[in-house]
């Protein structure tokens, strides 16, 4: 795998746009179905989502690292929502 990513991929390397990369597994990331599964885990079981997210963020692949940041963000939103729900 080459260390240089195509321009179309580097333009989408952000926490908000990483899900728009076509065939992310070609660039060292997780497939779209795999990422969707991890998002669901992060929403339903936010502690597990945080663990998975930090593990992905530590990856050498830039794409996988940004995917991990997205999972961490989703987990934090789920954590805040569950805390707010529990206090009501």
N, C-alpha and C. Protein backbone atom coordinates (compact mmCIF):
# COMPACT_ATOMS: atom_id res chain seq x y z
N UNK A 1 0.85 -1.18 0.00
CA UNK A 1 0.00 0.00 0.00
C UNK A 1 0.89 1.24 0.00
N UNK A 2 0.60 2.16 -0.85
CA UNK A 2 1.40 3.37 -0.94
C UNK A 2 1.01 4.32 0.19
N UNK A 3 1.98 5.11 0.63
CA UNK A 3 1.71 6.04 1.73
C UNK A 3 1.03 7.31 1.22
N UNK A 4 1.10 7.56 -0.08
CA UNK A 4 0.48 8.74 -0.67
C UNK A 4 -0.98 8.45 -1.02
N UNK A 5 -1.88 9.23 -0.48
CA UNK A 5 -3.30 9.06 -0.74
C UNK A 5 -3.73 9.94 -1.91
N UNK A 6 -4.68 9.48 -2.72
CA UNK A 6 -5.18 10.32 -3.82
C UNK A 6 -5.83 11.60 -3.30
N UNK A 7 -5.87 12.60 -4.16
CA UNK A 7 -6.43 13.90 -3.79
C UNK A 7 -7.88 13.80 -3.34
N UNK A 8 -8.67 12.94 -4.02
CA UNK A 8 -10.09 12.79 -3.65
C UNK A 8 -10.24 12.29 -2.22
N UNK A 9 -9.29 11.47 -1.78
CA UNK A 9 -9.35 10.92 -0.43
C UNK A 9 -8.89 11.95 0.58
N UNK A 10 -7.78 12.64 0.30
CA UNK A 10 -7.27 13.62 1.26
C UNK A 10 -8.24 14.79 1.46
N UNK A 11 -9.04 15.11 0.44
CA UNK A 11 -10.04 16.17 0.60
C UNK A 11 -11.14 15.76 1.58
N UNK A 12 -11.33 14.47 1.75
CA UNK A 12 -12.40 13.98 2.63
C UNK A 12 -11.86 13.48 3.97
N UNK A 13 -10.60 13.78 4.26
CA UNK A 13 -10.03 13.36 5.54
C UNK A 13 -10.38 14.36 6.62
N UNK A 14 -11.56 14.23 7.14
CA UNK A 14 -12.01 14.98 8.31
C UNK A 14 -13.02 14.11 9.04
N UNK A 15 -13.24 14.43 10.27
CA UNK A 15 -14.18 13.65 11.07
C UNK A 15 -15.57 13.65 10.46
N UNK A 16 -15.93 14.73 9.78
CA UNK A 16 -17.28 14.87 9.24
C UNK A 16 -17.44 14.24 7.86
N UNK A 17 -16.37 14.14 7.08
CA UNK A 17 -16.48 13.66 5.71
C UNK A 17 -15.90 12.28 5.47
N UNK A 18 -15.30 11.66 6.48
CA UNK A 18 -14.61 10.39 6.26
C UNK A 18 -15.56 9.28 5.79
N UNK A 19 -16.82 9.39 6.09
CA UNK A 19 -17.80 8.40 5.65
C UNK A 19 -18.10 8.48 4.17
N UNK A 20 -17.67 9.55 3.50
CA UNK A 20 -17.94 9.73 2.08
C UNK A 20 -16.87 9.12 1.18
N UNK A 21 -15.80 8.60 1.77
CA UNK A 21 -14.71 8.01 0.97
C UNK A 21 -15.21 6.71 0.35
N UNK A 22 -15.04 6.59 -0.96
CA UNK A 22 -15.43 5.36 -1.65
C UNK A 22 -14.34 4.32 -1.47
N UNK A 23 -14.73 3.11 -1.10
CA UNK A 23 -13.81 1.99 -0.87
C UNK A 23 -12.69 2.36 0.12
N UNK A 24 -13.04 2.72 1.35
CA UNK A 24 -12.01 3.14 2.30
C UNK A 24 -11.04 2.01 2.65
N UNK A 25 -11.46 0.75 2.47
CA UNK A 25 -10.57 -0.36 2.79
C UNK A 25 -9.35 -0.40 1.86
N UNK A 26 -9.44 0.21 0.69
CA UNK A 26 -8.31 0.28 -0.23
C UNK A 26 -7.22 1.21 0.31
N UNK A 27 -7.56 2.09 1.21
CA UNK A 27 -6.62 3.05 1.76
C UNK A 27 -6.30 2.79 3.22
N UNK A 28 -6.57 1.59 3.69
CA UNK A 28 -6.24 1.21 5.06
C UNK A 28 -7.35 1.45 6.07
N UNK A 29 -8.53 1.83 5.61
CA UNK A 29 -9.64 2.08 6.52
C UNK A 29 -10.55 0.88 6.64
N UNK A 30 -11.64 1.06 7.33
CA UNK A 30 -12.64 0.02 7.52
C UNK A 30 -13.70 0.19 6.43
N UNK A 31 -14.26 -0.92 5.95
CA UNK A 31 -15.28 -0.84 4.90
C UNK A 31 -16.50 -0.06 5.41
N UNK A 32 -17.32 0.38 4.48
CA UNK A 32 -18.51 1.17 4.86
C UNK A 32 -19.45 0.37 5.76
N UNK A 33 -19.63 -0.92 5.46
CA UNK A 33 -20.50 -1.75 6.32
C UNK A 33 -19.88 -1.92 7.70
N UNK A 34 -18.57 -2.11 7.75
CA UNK A 34 -17.89 -2.23 9.04
C UNK A 34 -17.98 -0.96 9.85
N UNK A 35 -17.87 0.18 9.17
CA UNK A 35 -17.97 1.45 9.87
C UNK A 35 -19.39 1.68 10.39
N UNK A 36 -20.38 1.29 9.61
CA UNK A 36 -21.77 1.41 10.05
C UNK A 36 -22.00 0.56 11.31
N UNK A 37 -21.47 -0.65 11.33
CA UNK A 37 -21.59 -1.51 12.51
C UNK A 37 -20.93 -0.89 13.73
N UNK A 38 -19.77 -0.28 13.53
CA UNK A 38 -19.09 0.37 14.65
C UNK A 38 -19.85 1.59 15.14
N UNK A 39 -20.50 2.31 14.21
CA UNK A 39 -21.34 3.44 14.63
C UNK A 39 -22.50 2.98 15.49
N UNK A 40 -23.12 1.87 15.09
CA UNK A 40 -24.23 1.33 15.88
C UNK A 40 -23.77 0.90 17.27
N UNK A 41 -22.60 0.27 17.34
CA UNK A 41 -22.04 -0.11 18.64
C UNK A 41 -21.82 1.13 19.48
N UNK A 42 -21.28 2.18 18.87
CA UNK A 42 -21.01 3.42 19.59
C UNK A 42 -22.29 4.06 20.11
N UNK A 43 -23.37 3.95 19.33
CA UNK A 43 -24.65 4.53 19.77
C UNK A 43 -25.29 3.72 20.89
N UNK A 44 -25.28 2.41 20.75
CA UNK A 44 -25.98 1.56 21.71
C UNK A 44 -25.15 1.25 22.95
N UNK A 45 -23.87 1.04 22.78
CA UNK A 45 -22.97 0.71 23.89
C UNK A 45 -21.80 1.69 23.85
N UNK A 46 -22.02 2.90 24.32
CA UNK A 46 -21.00 3.92 24.16
C UNK A 46 -19.66 3.60 24.80
N UNK A 47 -19.57 2.87 25.95
CA UNK A 47 -18.23 2.55 26.46
C UNK A 47 -17.44 1.67 25.48
N UNK A 48 -18.12 0.71 24.87
CA UNK A 48 -17.46 -0.14 23.87
C UNK A 48 -17.09 0.70 22.65
N UNK A 49 -17.92 1.64 22.28
CA UNK A 49 -17.63 2.53 21.16
C UNK A 49 -16.39 3.37 21.40
N UNK A 50 -16.22 3.84 22.64
CA UNK A 50 -15.01 4.60 22.97
C UNK A 50 -13.76 3.74 22.84
N UNK A 51 -13.84 2.51 23.32
CA UNK A 51 -12.70 1.60 23.23
C UNK A 51 -12.34 1.34 21.77
N UNK A 52 -13.35 1.01 20.97
CA UNK A 52 -13.12 0.75 19.55
C UNK A 52 -12.58 2.00 18.86
N UNK A 53 -13.14 3.15 19.17
CA UNK A 53 -12.71 4.40 18.55
C UNK A 53 -11.26 4.73 18.86
N UNK A 54 -10.87 4.60 20.13
CA UNK A 54 -9.48 4.91 20.49
C UNK A 54 -8.51 3.89 19.88
N UNK A 55 -8.95 2.65 19.77
CA UNK A 55 -8.11 1.64 19.13
C UNK A 55 -7.91 1.97 17.65
N UNK A 56 -8.99 2.39 16.98
CA UNK A 56 -8.89 2.77 15.57
C UNK A 56 -8.08 4.05 15.40
N UNK A 57 -8.22 5.00 16.32
CA UNK A 57 -7.50 6.27 16.22
C UNK A 57 -6.00 6.06 16.32
N UNK A 58 -5.57 5.03 17.02
CA UNK A 58 -4.15 4.74 17.15
C UNK A 58 -3.55 4.04 15.95
N UNK A 59 -4.34 3.80 14.94
CA UNK A 59 -3.87 3.10 13.74
C UNK A 59 -2.90 3.98 12.95
N UNK A 60 -2.02 3.33 12.19
CA UNK A 60 -1.09 4.07 11.34
C UNK A 60 -1.77 4.63 10.10
N UNK A 61 -2.89 4.05 9.71
CA UNK A 61 -3.62 4.52 8.53
C UNK A 61 -4.36 5.81 8.85
N UNK A 62 -4.17 6.83 8.01
CA UNK A 62 -4.86 8.10 8.22
C UNK A 62 -6.37 7.95 8.13
N UNK A 63 -6.82 7.16 7.17
CA UNK A 63 -8.26 6.97 6.98
C UNK A 63 -8.87 6.31 8.21
N UNK A 64 -8.22 5.25 8.70
CA UNK A 64 -8.74 4.54 9.88
C UNK A 64 -8.69 5.44 11.12
N UNK A 65 -7.68 6.29 11.20
CA UNK A 65 -7.58 7.21 12.34
C UNK A 65 -8.75 8.19 12.35
N UNK A 66 -9.10 8.74 11.19
CA UNK A 66 -10.25 9.65 11.13
C UNK A 66 -11.56 8.91 11.37
N UNK A 67 -11.65 7.66 10.92
CA UNK A 67 -12.84 6.86 11.21
C UNK A 67 -12.95 6.65 12.72
N UNK A 68 -11.83 6.43 13.39
CA UNK A 68 -11.83 6.28 14.84
C UNK A 68 -12.30 7.54 15.55
N UNK A 69 -11.88 8.70 15.04
CA UNK A 69 -12.34 9.96 15.63
C UNK A 69 -13.85 10.10 15.50
N UNK A 70 -14.38 9.66 14.36
CA UNK A 70 -15.84 9.71 14.16
C UNK A 70 -16.55 8.81 15.17
N UNK A 71 -16.02 7.62 15.41
CA UNK A 71 -16.62 6.69 16.37
C UNK A 71 -16.56 7.28 17.78
N UNK A 72 -15.45 7.91 18.12
CA UNK A 72 -15.33 8.55 19.44
C UNK A 72 -16.37 9.65 19.59
N UNK A 73 -16.55 10.46 18.56
CA UNK A 73 -17.54 11.54 18.59
C UNK A 73 -18.95 10.98 18.80
N UNK A 74 -19.30 9.93 18.06
CA UNK A 74 -20.62 9.31 18.18
C UNK A 74 -20.80 8.76 19.60
N UNK A 75 -19.75 8.15 20.15
CA UNK A 75 -19.83 7.60 21.51
C UNK A 75 -20.04 8.69 22.55
N UNK A 76 -19.36 9.81 22.37
CA UNK A 76 -19.51 10.92 23.33
C UNK A 76 -20.92 11.50 23.26
N UNK A 77 -21.47 11.64 22.05
CA UNK A 77 -22.85 12.12 21.92
C UNK A 77 -23.82 11.14 22.60
N UNK A 78 -23.60 9.83 22.40
CA UNK A 78 -24.46 8.83 23.03
C UNK A 78 -24.32 8.87 24.55
N UNK A 79 -23.10 9.10 25.04
CA UNK A 79 -22.87 9.18 26.48
C UNK A 79 -23.61 10.38 27.07
N UNK A 80 -23.50 11.54 26.41
CA UNK A 80 -24.18 12.72 26.90
C UNK A 80 -25.70 12.53 26.89
N UNK A 81 -26.21 11.93 25.81
CA UNK A 81 -27.65 11.68 25.73
C UNK A 81 -28.12 10.73 26.83
N UNK A 82 -27.32 9.69 27.11
CA UNK A 82 -27.74 8.74 28.16
C UNK A 82 -27.66 9.37 29.54
N UNK A 83 -26.69 10.23 29.79
CA UNK A 83 -26.59 10.91 31.08
C UNK A 83 -27.76 11.88 31.25
N UNK A 84 -28.08 12.62 30.19
CA UNK A 84 -29.21 13.54 30.27
C UNK A 84 -30.53 12.78 30.48
N UNK A 85 -30.68 11.66 29.81
CA UNK A 85 -31.88 10.85 29.96
C UNK A 85 -32.00 10.30 31.38
N UNK A 86 -30.86 9.89 31.95
CA UNK A 86 -30.86 9.31 33.30
C UNK A 86 -31.17 10.36 34.37
N UNK A 87 -30.85 11.61 34.11
CA UNK A 87 -31.07 12.64 35.12
C UNK A 87 -32.45 13.26 35.04
N UNK A 88 -33.18 12.96 34.02
CA UNK A 88 -34.54 13.54 33.88
C UNK A 88 -35.53 12.77 34.70
